Amino acid sequence: DADFDLATAASAEADFAVFGRECAEADAAVGRRSLNETFIHPGLDVAIDLRWVYTHLIEEFARHNGHADLIREQIDGATGE
């Protein structure tokens, strides 16, 4: 029975702007790199490639979009086909 009492349109716009800037910075950091380029993951201490990072990001976006869709269904009752 939790509500998003602290959420406002202004804070959402600000958060989305930060997200856009962070995406632009990430794009600039990897723009000329190969998907096969490897580096050491700082938390796992293993070699991973950029392809793994992109795959992980896609998985995370899909997971969170699914969560958002469940919340929306609870609000408006509409479901997909």
PDB file of N, CA and C in Angstrom:
ATOM      1  N   ASP A   1       0.823  -1.190   0.000  1.00  0.00           N
ATOM      2  CA  ASP A   1       0.000   0.000   0.000  1.00  0.00           C
ATOM      3  C   ASP A   1       0.868   1.256   0.000  1.00  0.00           C
ATOM      4  N   ALA A   2       2.058   1.159  -0.578  1.00  0.00           N
ATOM      5  CA  ALA A   2       2.985   2.291  -0.584  1.00  0.00           C
ATOM      6  C   ALA A   2       2.637   3.275  -1.695  1.00  0.00           C
ATOM      7  N   ASP A   3       2.878   4.521  -1.439  1.00  0.00           N
ATOM      8  CA  ASP A   3       2.659   5.573  -2.421  1.00  0.00           C
ATOM      9  C   ASP A   3       3.979   6.265  -2.718  1.00  0.00           C
ATOM     10  N   PHE A   4       4.024   6.943  -3.856  1.00  0.00           N
ATOM     11  CA  PHE A   4       5.181   7.754  -4.230  1.00  0.00           C
ATOM     12  C   PHE A   4       4.908   9.194  -3.801  1.00  0.00           C
ATOM     13  N   ASP A   5       4.792   9.414  -2.506  1.00  0.00           N
ATOM     14  CA  ASP A   5       4.427  10.731  -1.999  1.00  0.00           C
ATOM     15  C   ASP A   5       5.468  11.801  -2.286  1.00  0.00           C
ATOM     16  N   LEU A   6       6.714  11.407  -2.388  1.00  0.00           N
ATOM     17  CA  LEU A   6       7.773  12.395  -2.580  1.00  0.00           C
ATOM     18  C   LEU A   6       8.059  12.684  -4.042  1.00  0.00           C
ATOM     19  N   ALA A   7       7.443  11.966  -4.954  1.00  0.00           N
ATOM     20  CA  ALA A   7       7.699  12.155  -6.384  1.00  0.00           C
ATOM     21  C   ALA A   7       6.955  13.388  -6.893  1.00  0.00           C
ATOM     22  N   THR A   8       7.662  14.176  -7.700  1.00  0.00           N
ATOM     23  CA  THR A   8       7.050  15.343  -8.339  1.00  0.00           C
ATOM     24  C   THR A   8       7.467  15.360  -9.797  1.00  0.00           C
ATOM     25  N   ALA A   9       6.687  16.057 -10.602  1.00  0.00           N
ATOM     26  CA  ALA A   9       7.036  16.176 -12.019  1.00  0.00           C
ATOM     27  C   ALA A   9       8.390  16.851 -12.184  1.00  0.00           C
ATOM     28  N   ALA A  10       8.666  17.851 -11.375  1.00  0.00           N
ATOM     29  CA  ALA A  10       9.945  18.569 -11.481  1.00  0.00           C
ATOM     30  C   ALA A  10      11.113  17.663 -11.144  1.00  0.00           C
ATOM     31  N   SER A  11      10.984  16.849 -10.103  1.00  0.00           N
ATOM     32  CA  SER A  11      12.096  15.973  -9.749  1.00  0.00           C
ATOM     33  C   SER A  11      12.271  14.882 -10.807  1.00  0.00           C
ATOM     34  N   ALA A  12      11.178  14.428 -11.391  1.00  0.00           N
ATOM     35  CA  ALA A  12      11.275  13.430 -12.458  1.00  0.00           C
ATOM     36  C   ALA A  12      12.001  14.012 -13.667  1.00  0.00           C
ATOM     37  N   GLU A  13      11.685  15.232 -14.026  1.00  0.00           N
ATOM     38  CA  GLU A  13      12.367  15.880 -15.156  1.00  0.00           C
ATOM     39  C   GLU A  13      13.850  16.055 -14.866  1.00  0.00           C
ATOM     40  N   ALA A  14      14.180  16.444 -13.655  1.00  0.00           N
ATOM     41  CA  ALA A  14      15.589  16.618 -13.279  1.00  0.00           C
ATOM     42  C   ALA A  14      16.317  15.279 -13.319  1.00  0.00           C
ATOM     43  N   ASP A  15      15.695  14.239 -12.801  1.00  0.00           N
ATOM     44  CA  ASP A  15      16.305  12.906 -12.820  1.00  0.00           C
ATOM     45  C   ASP A  15      16.511  12.423 -14.249  1.00  0.00           C
ATOM     46  N   PHE A  16      15.539  12.672 -15.113  1.00  0.00           N
ATOM     47  CA  PHE A  16      15.652  12.246 -16.502  1.00  0.00           C
ATOM     48  C   PHE A  16      16.771  13.010 -17.214  1.00  0.00           C
ATOM     49  N   ALA A  17      16.945  14.288 -16.875  1.00  0.00           N
ATOM     50  CA  ALA A  17      18.038  15.076 -17.454  1.00  0.00           C
ATOM     51  C   ALA A  17      19.394  14.529 -17.014  1.00  0.00           C
ATOM     52  N   VAL A  18      19.532  14.165 -15.758  1.00  0.00           N
ATOM     53  CA  VAL A  18      20.777  13.556 -15.253  1.00  0.00           C
ATOM     54  C   VAL A  18      21.037  12.259 -15.999  1.00  0.00           C
ATOM     55  N   PHE A  19      20.005  11.432 -16.146  1.00  0.00           N
ATOM     56  CA  PHE A  19      20.137  10.174 -16.871  1.00  0.00           C
ATOM     57  C   PHE A  19      20.633  10.421 -18.294  1.00  0.00           C
ATOM     58  N   GLY A  20      20.089  11.423 -18.969  1.00  0.00           N
ATOM     59  CA  GLY A  20      20.518  11.756 -20.332  1.00  0.00           C
ATOM     60  C   GLY A  20      21.982  12.154 -20.395  1.00  0.00           C
ATOM     61  N   ARG A  21      22.428  12.951 -19.433  1.00  0.00           N
ATOM     62  CA  ARG A  21      23.838  13.356 -19.392  1.00  0.00           C
ATOM     63  C   ARG A  21      24.744  12.154 -19.131  1.00  0.00           C
ATOM     64  N   GLU A  22      24.337  11.273 -18.238  1.00  0.00           N
ATOM     65  CA  GLU A  22      25.142  10.086 -17.940  1.00  0.00           C
ATOM     66  C   GLU A  22      25.226   9.160 -19.154  1.00  0.00           C
ATOM     67  N   CYS A  23      24.135   9.037 -19.895  1.00  0.00           N
ATOM     68  CA  CYS A  23      24.158   8.224 -21.124  1.00  0.00           C
ATOM     69  C   CYS A  23      25.116   8.834 -22.140  1.00  0.00           C
ATOM     70  N   ALA A  24      25.101  10.157 -22.277  1.00  0.00           N
ATOM     71  CA  ALA A  24      25.997  10.826 -23.216  1.00  0.00           C
ATOM     72  C   ALA A  24      27.460  10.616 -22.813  1.00  0.00           C
ATOM     73  N   GLU A  25      27.752  10.680 -21.519  1.00  0.00           N
ATOM     74  CA  GLU A  25      29.114  10.443 -21.041  1.00  0.00           C
ATOM     75  C   GLU A  25      29.548   9.011 -21.311  1.00  0.00           C
ATOM     76  N   ALA A  26      28.657   8.065 -21.091  1.00  0.00           N
ATOM     77  CA  ALA A  26      28.977   6.653 -21.356  1.00  0.00           C
ATOM     78  C   ALA A  26      29.216   6.433 -22.846  1.00  0.00           C
ATOM     79  N   ASP A  27      28.369   7.033 -23.680  1.00  0.00           N
ATOM     80  CA  ASP A  27      28.554   6.920 -25.135  1.00  0.00           C
ATOM     81  C   ASP A  27      29.911   7.465 -25.561  1.00  0.00           C
ATOM     82  N   ALA A  28      30.300   8.605 -24.986  1.00  0.00           N
ATOM     83  CA  ALA A  28      31.595   9.205 -25.333  1.00  0.00           C
ATOM     84  C   ALA A  28      32.757   8.316 -24.875  1.00  0.00           C
ATOM     85  N   ALA A  29      32.593   7.658 -23.740  1.00  0.00           N
ATOM     86  CA  ALA A  29      33.671   6.813 -23.202  1.00  0.00           C
ATOM     87  C   ALA A  29      33.909   5.571 -24.042  1.00  0.00           C
ATOM     88  N   VAL A  30      32.877   5.044 -24.674  1.00  0.00           N
ATOM     89  CA  VAL A  30      33.022   3.783 -25.399  1.00  0.00           C
ATOM     90  C   VAL A  30      32.837   3.923 -26.906  1.00  0.00           C
ATOM     91  N   GLY A  31      32.609   5.118 -27.367  1.00  0.00           N
ATOM     92  CA  GLY A  31      32.272   5.355 -28.768  1.00  0.00           C
ATOM     93  C   GLY A  31      33.222   4.750 -29.783  1.00  0.00           C
ATOM     94  N   ARG A  32      34.498   4.718 -29.507  1.00  0.00           N
ATOM     95  CA  ARG A  32      35.480   4.205 -30.465  1.00  0.00           C
ATOM     96  C   ARG A  32      36.084   2.870 -30.036  1.00  0.00           C
ATOM     97  N   ARG A  33      35.463   2.234 -29.074  1.00  0.00           N
ATOM     98  CA  ARG A  33      35.994   0.958 -28.578  1.00  0.00           C
ATOM     99  C   ARG A  33      35.273  -0.209 -29.233  1.00  0.00           C
ATOM    100  N   SER A  34      35.968  -1.328 -29.331  1.00  0.00           N
ATOM    101  CA  SER A  34      35.411  -2.553 -29.887  1.00  0.00           C
ATOM    102  C   SER A  34      34.567  -3.260 -28.838  1.00  0.00           C
ATOM    103  N   LEU A  35      33.505  -3.923 -29.274  1.00  0.00           N
ATOM    104  CA  LEU A  35      32.700  -4.716 -28.346  1.00  0.00           C
ATOM    105  C   LEU A  35      33.500  -5.870 -27.758  1.00  0.00           C
ATOM    106  N   ASN A  36      34.583  -6.241 -28.417  1.00  0.00           N
ATOM    107  CA  ASN A  36      35.425  -7.342 -27.940  1.00  0.00           C
ATOM    108  C   ASN A  36      36.535  -6.883 -26.999  1.00  0.00           C
ATOM    109  N   GLU A  37      36.674  -5.576 -26.809  1.00  0.00           N
ATOM    110  CA  GLU A  37      37.718  -5.055 -25.925  1.00  0.00           C
ATOM    111  C   GLU A  37      37.423  -5.479 -24.487  1.00  0.00           C
ATOM    112  N   THR A  38      38.449  -5.958 -23.799  1.00  0.00           N
ATOM    113  CA  THR A  38      38.262  -6.444 -22.435  1.00  0.00           C
ATOM    114  C   THR A  38      38.893  -5.504 -21.418  1.00  0.00           C
ATOM    115  N   PHE A  39      38.403  -5.617 -20.198  1.00  0.00           N
ATOM    116  CA  PHE A  39      38.954  -4.885 -19.062  1.00  0.00           C
ATOM    117  C   PHE A  39      38.604  -5.672 -17.804  1.00  0.00           C
ATOM    118  N   ILE A  40      39.219  -5.315 -16.704  1.00  0.00           N
ATOM    119  CA  ILE A  40      38.967  -6.009 -15.440  1.00  0.00           C
ATOM    120  C   ILE A  40      37.786  -5.349 -14.739  1.00  0.00           C
ATOM    121  N   HIS A  41      36.776  -6.152 -14.446  1.00  0.00           N
ATOM    122  CA  HIS A  41      35.613  -5.665 -13.702  1.00  0.00           C
ATOM    123  C   HIS A  41      36.073  -5.373 -12.279  1.00  0.00           C
ATOM    124  N   PRO A  42      35.898  -4.128 -11.808  1.00  0.00           N
ATOM    125  CA  PRO A  42      36.445  -3.769 -10.494  1.00  0.00           C
ATOM    126  C   PRO A  42      35.815  -4.518  -9.324  1.00  0.00           C
ATOM    127  N   GLY A  43      34.560  -4.901  -9.427  1.00  0.00           N
ATOM    128  CA  GLY A  43      33.908  -5.597  -8.323  1.00  0.00           C
ATOM    129  C   GLY A  43      34.107  -7.094  -8.347  1.00  0.00           C
ATOM    130  N   LEU A  44      34.222  -7.658  -9.562  1.00  0.00           N
ATOM    131  CA  LEU A  44      34.348  -9.108  -9.702  1.00  0.00           C
ATOM    132  C   LEU A  44      35.785  -9.570  -9.863  1.00  0.00           C
ATOM    133  N   ASP A  45      36.674  -8.638 -10.220  1.00  0.00           N
ATOM    134  CA  ASP A  45      38.092  -8.924 -10.446  1.00  0.00           C
ATOM    135  C   ASP A  45      38.290 -10.009 -11.517  1.00  0.00           C
ATOM    136  N   VAL A  46      37.482  -9.933 -12.574  1.00  0.00           N
ATOM    137  CA  VAL A  46      37.600 -10.841 -13.723  1.00  0.00           C
ATOM    138  C   VAL A  46      37.564 -10.009 -14.996  1.00  0.00           C
ATOM    139  N   ALA A  47      38.122 -10.561 -16.059  1.00  0.00           N
ATOM    140  CA  ALA A  47      38.109  -9.870 -17.345  1.00  0.00           C
ATOM    141  C   ALA A  47      36.731 -10.030 -17.993  1.00  0.00           C
ATOM    142  N   ILE A  48      36.164  -8.917 -18.437  1.00  0.00           N
ATOM    143  CA  ILE A  48      34.912  -8.934 -19.188  1.00  0.00           C
ATOM    144  C   ILE A  48      35.093  -8.054 -20.415  1.00  0.00           C
ATOM    145  N   ASP A  49      34.231  -8.230 -21.409  1.00  0.00           N
ATOM    146  CA  ASP A  49      34.324  -7.383 -22.591  1.00  0.00           C
ATOM    147  C   ASP A  49      33.155  -6.402 -22.633  1.00  0.00           C
ATOM    148  N   LEU A  50      33.282  -5.425 -23.501  1.00  0.00           N
ATOM    149  CA  LEU A  50      32.262  -4.391 -23.627  1.00  0.00           C
ATOM    150  C   LEU A  50      30.931  -4.992 -24.066  1.00  0.00           C
ATOM    151  N   ARG A  51      30.972  -6.047 -24.854  1.00  0.00           N
ATOM    152  CA  ARG A  51      29.739  -6.729 -25.274  1.00  0.00           C
ATOM    153  C   ARG A  51      28.965  -7.215 -24.043  1.00  0.00           C
ATOM    154  N   TRP A  52      29.668  -7.767 -23.037  1.00  0.00           N
ATOM    155  CA  TRP A  52      29.024  -8.219 -21.805  1.00  0.00           C
ATOM    156  C   TRP A  52      28.342  -7.051 -21.103  1.00  0.00           C
ATOM    157  N   VAL A  53      29.015  -5.896 -21.067  1.00  0.00           N
ATOM    158  CA  VAL A  53      28.453  -4.717 -20.404  1.00  0.00           C
ATOM    159  C   VAL A  53      27.154  -4.305 -21.093  1.00  0.00           C
ATOM    160  N   TYR A  54      27.177  -4.222 -22.427  1.00  0.00           N
ATOM    161  CA  TYR A  54      25.958  -3.841 -23.153  1.00  0.00           C
ATOM    162  C   TYR A  54      24.841  -4.855 -22.940  1.00  0.00           C
ATOM    163  N   THR A  55      25.168  -6.127 -22.956  1.00  0.00           N
ATOM    164  CA  THR A  55      24.161  -7.161 -22.732  1.00  0.00           C
ATOM    165  C   THR A  55      23.555  -7.017 -21.343  1.00  0.00           C
ATOM    166  N   HIS A  56      24.398  -6.770 -20.353  1.00  0.00           N
ATOM    167  CA  HIS A  56      23.922  -6.587 -18.981  1.00  0.00           C
ATOM    168  C   HIS A  56      23.002  -5.359 -18.889  1.00  0.00           C
ATOM    169  N   LEU A  57      23.379  -4.267 -19.542  1.00  0.00           N
ATOM    170  CA  LEU A  57      22.545  -3.060 -19.520  1.00  0.00           C
ATOM    171  C   LEU A  57      21.184  -3.318 -20.164  1.00  0.00           C
ATOM    172  N   ILE A  58      21.160  -4.023 -21.277  1.00  0.00           N
ATOM    173  CA  ILE A  58      19.897  -4.352 -21.938  1.00  0.00           C
ATOM    174  C   ILE A  58      19.020  -5.188 -21.004  1.00  0.00           C
ATOM    175  N   GLU A  59      19.622  -6.173 -20.356  1.00  0.00           N
ATOM    176  CA  GLU A  59      18.868  -7.008 -19.411  1.00  0.00           C
ATOM    177  C   GLU A  59      18.280  -6.166 -18.281  1.00  0.00           C
ATOM    178  N   GLU A  60      19.076  -5.262 -17.721  1.00  0.00           N
ATOM    179  CA  GLU A  60      18.610  -4.431 -16.615  1.00  0.00           C
ATOM    180  C   GLU A  60      17.488  -3.485 -17.053  1.00  0.00           C
ATOM    181  N   PHE A  61      17.641  -2.853 -18.232  1.00  0.00           N
ATOM    182  CA  PHE A  61      16.573  -1.984 -18.736  1.00  0.00           C
ATOM    183  C   PHE A  61      15.292  -2.778 -18.930  1.00  0.00           C
ATOM    184  N   ALA A  62      15.387  -3.966 -19.505  1.00  0.00           N
ATOM    185  CA  ALA A  62      14.202  -4.795 -19.732  1.00  0.00           C
ATOM    186  C   ALA A  62      13.540  -5.158 -18.408  1.00  0.00           C
ATOM    187  N   ARG A  63      14.351  -5.505 -17.428  1.00  0.00           N
ATOM    188  CA  ARG A  63      13.817  -5.879 -16.116  1.00  0.00           C
ATOM    189  C   ARG A  63      13.067  -4.705 -15.480  1.00  0.00           C
ATOM    190  N   HIS A  64      13.681  -3.523 -15.502  1.00  0.00           N
ATOM    191  CA  HIS A  64      13.052  -2.357 -14.884  1.00  0.00           C
ATOM    192  C   HIS A  64      11.845  -1.873 -15.676  1.00  0.00           C
ATOM    193  N   ASN A  65      11.885  -1.987 -16.990  1.00  0.00           N
ATOM    194  CA  ASN A  65      10.707  -1.638 -17.784  1.00  0.00           C
ATOM    195  C   ASN A  65       9.561  -2.576 -17.455  1.00  0.00           C
ATOM    196  N   GLY A  66       9.858  -3.833 -17.214  1.00  0.00           N
ATOM    197  CA  GLY A  66       8.833  -4.778 -16.801  1.00  0.00           C
ATOM    198  C   GLY A  66       8.222  -4.395 -15.464  1.00  0.00           C
ATOM    199  N   HIS A  67       9.060  -3.937 -14.539  1.00  0.00           N
ATOM    200  CA  HIS A  67       8.552  -3.492 -13.240  1.00  0.00           C
ATOM    201  C   HIS A  67       7.639  -2.291 -13.428  1.00  0.00           C
ATOM    202  N   ALA A  68       8.054  -1.349 -14.256  1.00  0.00           N
ATOM    203  CA  ALA A  68       7.241  -0.154 -14.500  1.00  0.00           C
ATOM    204  C   ALA A  68       5.906  -0.533 -15.131  1.00  0.00           C
ATOM    205  N   ASP A  69       5.920  -1.518 -16.018  1.00  0.00           N
ATOM    206  CA  ASP A  69       4.685  -1.951 -16.657  1.00  0.00           C
ATOM    207  C   ASP A  69       3.730  -2.573 -15.634  1.00  0.00           C
ATOM    208  N   LEU A  70       4.276  -3.339 -14.693  1.00  0.00           N
ATOM    209  CA  LEU A  70       3.431  -3.911 -13.638  1.00  0.00           C
ATOM    210  C   LEU A  70       2.795  -2.819 -12.780  1.00  0.00           C
ATOM    211  N   ILE A  71       3.558  -1.786 -12.476  1.00  0.00           N
ATOM    212  CA  ILE A  71       3.017  -0.669 -11.692  1.00  0.00           C
ATOM    213  C   ILE A  71       1.919   0.024 -12.485  1.00  0.00           C
ATOM    214  N   ARG A  72       2.162   0.267 -13.775  1.00  0.00           N
ATOM    215  CA  ARG A  72       1.153   0.921 -14.600  1.00  0.00           C
ATOM    216  C   ARG A  72      -0.120   0.088 -14.677  1.00  0.00           C
ATOM    217  N   GLU A  73       0.009  -1.224 -14.810  1.00  0.00           N
ATOM    218  CA  GLU A  73      -1.167  -2.100 -14.856  1.00  0.00           C
ATOM    219  C   GLU A  73      -1.977  -1.995 -13.565  1.00  0.00           C
ATOM    220  N   GLN A  74      -1.289  -1.840 -12.436  1.00  0.00           N
ATOM    221  CA  GLN A  74      -1.998  -1.691 -11.169  1.00  0.00           C
ATOM    222  C   GLN A  74      -2.761  -0.371 -11.106  1.00  0.00           C
ATOM    223  N   ILE A  75      -2.255   0.640 -11.804  1.00  0.00           N
ATOM    224  CA  ILE A  75      -2.888   1.954 -11.791  1.00  0.00           C
ATOM    225  C   ILE A  75      -4.093   1.996 -12.728  1.00  0.00           C
ATOM    226  N   ASP A  76      -3.896   1.560 -13.979  1.00  0.00           N
ATOM    227  CA  ASP A  76      -4.977   1.723 -14.963  1.00  0.00           C
ATOM    228  C   ASP A  76      -5.701   0.435 -15.338  1.00  0.00           C
ATOM    229  N   GLY A  77      -5.195  -0.706 -14.897  1.00  0.00           N
ATOM    230  CA  GLY A  77      -5.880  -1.972 -15.152  1.00  0.00           C
ATOM    231  C   GLY A  77      -5.700  -2.529 -16.557  1.00  0.00           C
ATOM    232  N   ALA A  78      -5.069  -1.782 -17.448  1.00  0.00           N
ATOM    233  CA  ALA A  78      -4.891  -2.248 -18.839  1.00  0.00           C
ATOM    234  C   ALA A  78      -3.736  -3.239 -18.904  1.00  0.00           C
ATOM    235  N   THR A  79      -3.929  -4.296 -19.684  1.00  0.00           N
ATOM    236  CA  THR A  79      -2.880  -5.280 -19.875  1.00  0.00           C
ATOM    237  C   THR A  79      -2.600  -5.439 -21.359  1.00  0.00           C
ATOM    238  N   GLY A  80      -1.426  -5.942 -21.674  1.00  0.00           N
ATOM    239  CA  GLY A  80      -1.049  -6.169 -23.064  1.00  0.00           C
ATOM    240  C   GLY A  80      -1.678  -7.434 -23.612  1.00  0.00           C
ATOM    241  N   GLU A  81      -1.454  -7.650 -24.876  1.00  0.00           N
ATOM    242  CA  GLU A  81      -2.027  -8.833 -25.525  1.00  0.00           C
ATOM    243  C   GLU A  81      -1.179 -10.051 -25.273  1.00  0.00           C
TER     244      GLU A  81
END
